[in-house]
Amino acid sequence: MSLSELHPSPGYTTHFGPPSVEQETMNVEDLMTLAPHVCRPKDSLHAAAQLMWRHDCGTLPVVDDDSHLVGMITDRDICMGGYIQHQSLTRLRVDQSMAHNVVTCRADDDIAAAAQVMAEHQVRRLPVVDGDDRVVGVLSLCDVVRAGRAGLEPTAVVDTLAAIVTPRTETRSTKSTQPTVQLQPKPSRARAAKKSTKKKSTKGTTKKAARTSRKR
């Protein structure tokens, strides 16, 4: 999925000011990491974790034999995969834990637009692909921060970070989860007095009937 094919996701909105001259000339290719380390779908989670550890990175694009992007896997995916499936990482494959529907960007995309995509989809890294969906780089949140130093509106950087770290449950409407409590209205004084009088009248009639019965 390329940047041009994306539609805004409801619930994640950031506010970017009008682009400056620096912003107009700053593209993803100016900040992205070139030739990122990648892994294959059939690689073990153990091998992917070793690659992350060796190169000090928290995510790996997953590519096929022709370097086409087929997924992304993070260090969290690896940890959760081992925990949930109760198996050794050497027995689990990357394609069992990776994200399949990956949001991407292009090298010539505007950096502010890429930051907007990060915010909308709550991702810290975007794989950069060419016209054939081959991985050519990775854009990270750290790169967006660097863009703030280089001319991107500071509020855009802050908005991006805030949107990414916001728990997804906070962006959903809580109306459907709120319990509906039906409160019975209190009776008015007139109704209460009438009800009380009726009870007294019934009680008096009962006593009168009892006395009449005893006389007989």
Protein backbone atom coordinates (compact mmCIF):
# COMPACT_ATOMS: atom_id res chain seq x y z
CA MET A 1 0.00 0.00 0.00
CA SER A 2 1.62 3.25 -1.09
CA LEU A 3 1.23 6.68 0.43
CA SER A 4 -0.86 7.89 -2.50
CA GLU A 5 -3.38 5.09 -1.92
CA LEU A 6 -4.01 5.85 1.75
CA HIS A 7 -7.16 7.30 3.22
CA PRO A 8 -7.26 9.05 6.59
CA SER A 9 -8.13 6.76 9.47
CA PRO A 10 -10.89 8.05 11.79
CA GLY A 11 -9.77 9.04 15.24
CA TYR A 12 -6.19 10.04 14.46
CA THR A 13 -5.84 13.66 13.43
CA THR A 14 -2.77 15.83 13.54
CA HIS A 15 -2.50 19.46 12.58
CA PHE A 16 0.26 20.50 10.24
CA GLY A 17 0.87 24.15 9.57
CA PRO A 18 1.49 25.59 6.12
CA PRO A 19 4.70 24.19 4.63
CA SER A 20 7.78 26.34 4.70
CA VAL A 21 10.40 26.42 1.98
CA GLU A 22 12.42 23.82 3.86
CA GLN A 23 9.42 21.55 4.17
CA GLU A 24 8.61 21.74 0.47
CA THR A 25 12.10 20.60 -0.48
CA MET A 26 12.49 17.95 2.26
CA ASN A 27 11.52 14.49 1.13
CA VAL A 28 11.64 11.05 2.71
CA GLU A 29 14.83 10.18 0.83
CA ASP A 30 16.62 13.02 2.62
CA LEU A 31 16.20 11.34 6.02
CA MET A 32 15.48 7.64 5.52
CA THR A 33 17.86 4.81 6.35
CA LEU A 34 19.18 3.37 3.10
CA ALA A 35 19.50 -0.37 2.42
CA PRO A 36 17.90 -1.52 5.69
CA HIS A 37 18.45 -4.99 7.06
CA VAL A 38 15.65 -7.36 6.07
CA CYS A 39 14.48 -10.89 6.80
CA ARG A 40 12.47 -13.57 4.99
CA PRO A 41 9.02 -14.96 5.83
CA LYS A 42 10.40 -18.43 6.55
CA ASP A 43 13.21 -17.19 8.81
CA SER A 44 12.86 -18.15 12.46
CA LEU A 45 11.94 -15.55 15.04
CA HIS A 46 15.23 -16.41 16.70
CA ALA A 47 17.16 -15.42 13.56
CA ALA A 48 15.17 -12.18 13.26
CA ALA A 49 15.82 -11.33 16.91
CA GLN A 50 19.54 -11.96 16.43
CA LEU A 51 19.58 -9.66 13.41
CA MET A 52 17.85 -6.90 15.39
CA TRP A 53 20.30 -7.33 18.27
CA ARG A 54 23.33 -7.35 16.00
CA HIS A 55 22.36 -4.18 14.15
CA ASP A 56 20.60 -2.38 17.03
CA CYS A 57 17.23 -2.00 15.31
CA GLY A 58 13.69 -2.68 16.50
CA THR A 59 12.02 -3.61 13.24
CA LEU A 60 12.77 -5.48 10.03
CA PRO A 61 11.05 -5.33 6.66
CA VAL A 62 10.09 -8.81 5.49
CA VAL A 63 10.79 -9.43 1.80
CA ASP A 64 10.44 -12.27 -0.66
CA ASP A 65 13.20 -13.62 -2.91
CA ASP A 66 12.78 -10.66 -5.28
CA SER A 67 13.04 -8.10 -2.45
CA HIS A 68 9.34 -7.26 -2.66
CA LEU A 69 7.88 -6.14 0.65
CA VAL A 70 5.52 -8.72 2.14
CA GLY A 71 5.40 -7.61 5.78
CA MET A 72 7.06 -5.98 8.77
CA ILE A 73 8.12 -7.51 12.07
CA THR A 74 9.08 -5.72 15.27
CA ASP A 75 10.83 -6.78 18.45
CA ARG A 76 7.43 -6.66 20.16
CA ASP A 77 5.97 -9.02 17.54
CA ILE A 78 8.75 -11.49 18.30
CA CYS A 79 8.21 -11.31 22.07
CA MET A 80 4.44 -11.65 21.81
CA GLY A 81 4.74 -14.48 19.29
CA GLY A 82 6.88 -16.54 21.64
CA TYR A 83 4.72 -15.71 24.65
CA ILE A 84 1.34 -16.43 23.08
CA GLN A 85 2.33 -19.62 21.27
CA HIS A 86 4.41 -21.00 24.16
CA GLN A 87 7.17 -22.17 21.85
CA SER A 88 10.86 -21.56 21.37
CA LEU A 89 11.70 -18.75 18.95
CA THR A 90 13.70 -21.25 16.93
CA ARG A 91 10.47 -23.15 16.17
CA LEU A 92 8.43 -20.11 15.11
CA ARG A 93 8.62 -18.43 11.70
CA VAL A 94 8.59 -14.74 10.91
CA ASP A 95 5.42 -15.04 8.80
CA GLN A 96 3.55 -16.32 11.87
CA SER A 97 4.04 -13.06 13.76
CA MET A 98 4.68 -10.33 11.19
CA ALA A 99 2.26 -7.60 10.12
CA HIS A 100 0.93 -8.33 6.64
CA ASN A 101 -0.96 -5.16 5.67
CA VAL A 102 1.92 -2.72 5.81
CA VAL A 103 1.64 1.02 5.29
CA THR A 104 4.47 2.34 3.11
CA CYS A 105 5.79 5.53 1.61
CA ARG A 106 7.94 6.51 -1.37
CA ALA A 107 11.36 8.13 -1.38
CA ASP A 108 10.04 11.27 -3.09
CA ASP A 109 7.11 11.74 -0.68
CA ASP A 110 7.05 14.89 1.40
CA ILE A 111 8.34 14.30 4.93
CA ALA A 112 5.33 16.08 6.48
CA ALA A 113 2.94 13.79 4.60
CA ALA A 114 4.88 10.74 5.80
CA ALA A 115 4.66 12.03 9.37
CA GLN A 116 0.91 12.38 8.93
CA VAL A 117 0.69 8.73 7.85
CA MET A 118 2.67 7.67 10.93
CA ALA A 119 0.24 9.57 13.14
CA GLU A 120 -2.90 8.24 11.44
CA HIS A 121 -1.77 4.62 11.57
CA GLN A 122 0.12 4.81 14.88
CA VAL A 123 3.36 3.40 13.53
CA ARG A 124 6.90 4.43 14.41
CA ARG A 125 8.50 3.28 11.17
CA LEU A 126 7.51 3.28 7.52
CA PRO A 127 9.20 1.07 4.93
CA VAL A 128 10.14 3.03 1.84
CA VAL A 129 9.45 1.22 -1.43
CA ASP A 130 9.99 1.92 -5.11
CA GLY A 131 7.48 1.55 -7.93
CA ASP A 132 7.84 -2.24 -7.84
CA ASP A 133 7.30 -2.47 -4.06
CA ARG A 134 10.94 -3.27 -3.45
CA VAL A 135 12.33 -1.99 -0.18
CA VAL A 136 14.81 0.86 -0.60
CA GLY A 137 14.80 2.29 2.91
CA VAL A 138 13.04 2.82 6.24
CA LEU A 139 11.76 6.08 7.70
CA SER A 140 11.59 6.15 11.50
CA LEU A 141 10.07 8.46 14.09
CA CYS A 142 13.61 9.52 14.98
CA ASP A 143 13.99 10.71 11.39
CA VAL A 144 10.85 12.82 11.79
CA VAL A 145 12.37 14.39 14.91
CA ARG A 146 15.47 15.17 12.89
CA ALA A 147 13.18 16.77 10.33
CA GLY A 148 11.90 19.04 13.08
CA ARG A 149 15.42 20.32 13.56
CA ALA A 150 15.77 20.80 9.83
CA GLY A 151 12.62 22.81 9.24
CA LEU A 152 9.47 20.74 9.82
CA GLU A 153 6.99 22.55 12.05
CA PRO A 154 7.74 21.60 15.70
CA THR A 155 4.01 21.22 16.37
CA ALA A 156 3.85 18.62 13.59
CA VAL A 157 6.54 16.56 15.30
CA VAL A 158 4.77 16.80 18.66
CA ASP A 159 1.38 15.95 17.13
CA THR A 160 2.88 12.94 15.36
CA LEU A 161 4.46 11.61 18.54
CA ALA A 162 1.29 12.20 20.57
CA ALA A 163 -0.88 10.37 18.03
CA ILE A 164 1.49 7.41 17.86
CA VAL A 165 1.72 6.84 21.61
CA THR A 166 -2.00 7.33 22.27
CA PRO A 167 -3.61 3.96 23.15
CA ARG A 168 -6.05 2.92 20.45
CA THR A 169 -8.82 2.40 23.00
CA GLU A 170 -8.71 6.09 23.88
CA THR A 171 -9.51 7.08 20.32
CA ARG A 172 -12.70 5.06 20.18
CA SER A 173 -16.06 6.34 21.29
CA THR A 174 -16.96 5.15 24.76
CA LYS A 175 -20.66 5.71 24.32
CA SER A 176 -21.35 2.14 23.27
CA THR A 177 -19.53 0.79 26.31
CA GLN A 178 -21.21 3.01 28.87
CA PRO A 179 -23.91 1.13 30.81
CA THR A 180 -27.36 2.64 30.48
CA VAL A 181 -29.06 3.08 33.83
CA GLN A 182 -32.79 3.74 33.83
CA LEU A 183 -33.71 5.77 36.90
CA GLN A 184 -37.32 5.72 38.03
CA PRO A 185 -38.58 9.26 38.73
CA LYS A 186 -39.55 10.04 42.29
CA PRO A 187 -43.33 10.27 42.78
CA SER A 188 -44.67 13.77 43.27
CA ARG A 189 -45.91 14.84 46.69
CA ALA A 190 -49.52 14.88 45.49
CA ARG A 191 -49.24 11.32 44.16
CA ALA A 192 -47.49 10.20 47.34
CA ALA A 193 -50.18 11.82 49.53
CA LYS A 194 -52.96 10.28 47.44
CA LYS A 195 -51.32 6.87 47.69
CA SER A 196 -50.94 7.29 51.46
CA THR A 197 -54.61 8.32 51.81
CA LYS A 198 -55.67 5.31 49.78
CA LYS A 199 -53.68 3.00 52.04
CA LYS A 200 -55.25 4.56 55.15
CA SER A 201 -58.74 4.27 53.64
CA THR A 202 -58.19 0.62 52.81
CA LYS A 203 -56.81 -0.02 56.27
CA GLY A 204 -59.83 1.68 57.90
CA THR A 205 -62.29 -0.31 55.79
CA THR A 206 -60.56 -3.54 56.78
CA LYS A 207 -60.76 -2.68 60.49
CA LYS A 208 -64.47 -1.73 60.18
CA ALA A 209 -65.25 -5.01 58.45
CA ALA A 210 -63.45 -6.90 61.20
CA ARG A 211 -65.49 -5.16 63.95
CA THR A 212 -68.74 -5.89 62.11
CA SER A 213 -67.76 -9.53 61.83
CA ARG A 214 -67.07 -9.78 65.58
CA LYS A 215 -70.49 -8.25 66.44
CA ARG A 216 -72.23 -10.89 64.37
